[in-house]
Amino acid sequence: MQESENKYLHGINLEELKKETGLSHEEIAELASVGPKVVYKWQYMHKDSSRPDYNALIRLLEKGATVETLFGVDYKNKFKPNEYDTECNEIFKSDSFKRGVEKAIQELKNKGLL
């Protein structure tokens, strides 16, 4: 593994993983088709540490594990909807917007464009 790739390694918080999935350490190991000692090693950020394979990740996600726990990516805070999303939704739901769209559609129909 290249040195620059080490910045992407992170340990998996097994306690959080157990809480999210409702599985015991042994059940996680069985689900991932590995031994309990391998699951234990997921906690460590080291280039030689074991990591869940793709199929294990999918099964863990299906059981309720989050991307944050498995990959160390805080996308919930990083990719929050911005304040304008709420404002735009309110505009699109307003009666005046609906009337404006209906008027525009009618004008296009009158011109033979729709």
Protein backbone atom coordinates (compact mmCIF):
# COMPACT_ATOMS: atom_id res chain seq x y z
CA MET A 1 0.00 0.00 0.00
CA GLN A 2 1.32 3.41 -0.87
CA GLU A 3 2.11 5.81 1.95
CA SER A 4 -0.44 8.37 0.70
CA GLU A 5 -3.21 5.77 1.01
CA ASN A 6 -2.63 5.50 4.76
CA LYS A 7 -4.58 8.72 5.29
CA TYR A 8 -7.72 6.84 4.25
CA LEU A 9 -7.30 4.11 6.85
CA HIS A 10 -9.32 4.34 10.00
CA GLY A 11 -10.27 1.96 12.73
CA ILE A 12 -13.79 0.65 12.98
CA ASN A 13 -15.41 1.33 16.33
CA LEU A 14 -16.63 -2.18 17.18
CA GLU A 15 -18.84 -0.99 20.03
CA GLU A 16 -20.61 1.42 17.67
CA LEU A 17 -20.87 -1.30 15.01
CA LYS A 18 -22.46 -3.69 17.52
CA LYS A 19 -24.89 -0.99 18.64
CA GLU A 20 -25.91 -0.09 15.07
CA THR A 21 -26.37 -3.66 13.90
CA GLY A 22 -27.56 -5.27 17.13
CA LEU A 23 -25.07 -8.05 16.50
CA SER A 24 -22.54 -9.55 18.87
CA HIS A 25 -18.83 -9.70 18.06
CA GLU A 26 -19.22 -13.36 17.07
CA GLU A 27 -22.28 -12.63 14.90
CA ILE A 28 -20.39 -9.87 13.09
CA ALA A 29 -17.54 -12.32 12.44
CA GLU A 30 -19.97 -14.93 11.12
CA LEU A 31 -21.74 -12.38 8.92
CA ALA A 32 -18.38 -11.26 7.50
CA SER A 33 -17.21 -14.87 7.05
CA VAL A 34 -14.13 -14.27 9.18
CA GLY A 35 -12.96 -15.24 12.62
CA PRO A 36 -13.58 -13.11 15.73
CA LYS A 37 -9.87 -12.23 15.92
CA VAL A 38 -10.04 -10.72 12.42
CA VAL A 39 -13.00 -8.56 13.44
CA TYR A 40 -11.03 -7.42 16.48
CA LYS A 41 -8.24 -6.21 14.16
CA TRP A 42 -10.68 -3.93 12.30
CA GLN A 43 -10.26 -1.48 15.18
CA TYR A 44 -6.70 -0.60 14.29
CA MET A 45 -5.42 1.93 11.77
CA HIS A 46 -2.48 0.10 10.35
CA LYS A 47 -1.66 -0.72 6.76
CA ASP A 48 -1.39 -4.43 7.60
CA SER A 49 -4.64 -4.58 9.55
CA SER A 50 -7.48 -6.61 8.24
CA ARG A 51 -10.40 -4.73 6.67
CA PRO A 52 -13.89 -6.03 5.88
CA ASP A 53 -14.18 -7.12 2.26
CA TYR A 54 -16.81 -5.70 -0.09
CA ASN A 55 -19.39 -8.42 0.57
CA ALA A 56 -18.97 -8.08 4.33
CA LEU A 57 -19.43 -4.32 4.07
CA ILE A 58 -22.65 -4.77 2.12
CA ARG A 59 -23.99 -7.28 4.65
CA LEU A 60 -23.08 -4.97 7.54
CA LEU A 61 -24.76 -2.00 5.84
CA GLU A 62 -27.87 -4.14 5.30
CA LYS A 63 -27.87 -4.93 9.03
CA GLY A 64 -27.85 -1.22 9.92
CA ALA A 65 -24.19 -0.25 10.08
CA THR A 66 -23.56 3.29 8.93
CA VAL A 67 -21.06 4.62 6.43
CA GLU A 68 -19.62 6.75 9.23
CA THR A 69 -18.78 3.69 11.31
CA LEU A 70 -17.47 1.52 8.49
CA PHE A 71 -15.56 4.12 6.48
CA GLY A 72 -14.95 6.99 8.89
CA VAL A 73 -16.77 9.40 6.58
CA ASP A 74 -18.92 11.99 8.32
CA TYR A 75 -21.17 12.65 5.34
CA LYS A 76 -24.18 13.55 7.48
CA ASN A 77 -22.44 16.70 8.66
CA LYS A 78 -20.35 17.23 5.55
CA PHE A 79 -23.23 17.02 3.10
CA LYS A 80 -26.05 18.70 5.00
CA PRO A 81 -28.75 20.22 2.87
CA ASN A 82 -28.15 23.92 2.71
CA GLU A 83 -30.54 26.51 4.04
CA TYR A 84 -31.77 27.33 0.55
CA ASP A 85 -33.20 23.84 0.04
CA THR A 86 -35.87 24.52 2.64
CA GLU A 87 -36.61 27.96 1.21
CA CYS A 88 -36.88 26.56 -2.33
CA ASN A 89 -39.22 23.80 -1.21
CA GLU A 90 -41.49 26.36 0.39
CA ILE A 91 -41.51 28.44 -2.81
CA PHE A 92 -42.40 25.41 -4.96
CA LYS A 93 -45.26 24.54 -2.62
CA SER A 94 -46.74 28.05 -2.64
CA ASP A 95 -50.02 28.78 -4.41
CA SER A 96 -48.55 31.74 -6.28
CA PHE A 97 -45.82 29.51 -7.77
CA LYS A 98 -48.41 26.91 -8.84
CA ARG A 99 -50.57 29.60 -10.45
CA GLY A 100 -47.52 31.00 -12.27
CA VAL A 101 -46.60 27.57 -13.64
CA GLU A 102 -50.20 26.92 -14.73
CA LYS A 103 -50.28 30.32 -16.47
CA ALA A 104 -46.99 29.64 -18.25
CA ILE A 105 -48.22 26.22 -19.42
CA GLN A 106 -51.45 27.73 -20.69
CA GLU A 107 -49.54 30.41 -22.62
CA LEU A 108 -47.33 27.76 -24.23
CA LYS A 109 -50.43 25.77 -25.18
CA ASN A 110 -52.05 28.89 -26.65
CA LYS A 111 -48.96 29.43 -28.83
CA GLY A 112 -49.06 25.80 -29.95
CA LEU A 113 -45.74 25.00 -28.28
CA LEU A 114 -47.25 22.34 -26.01
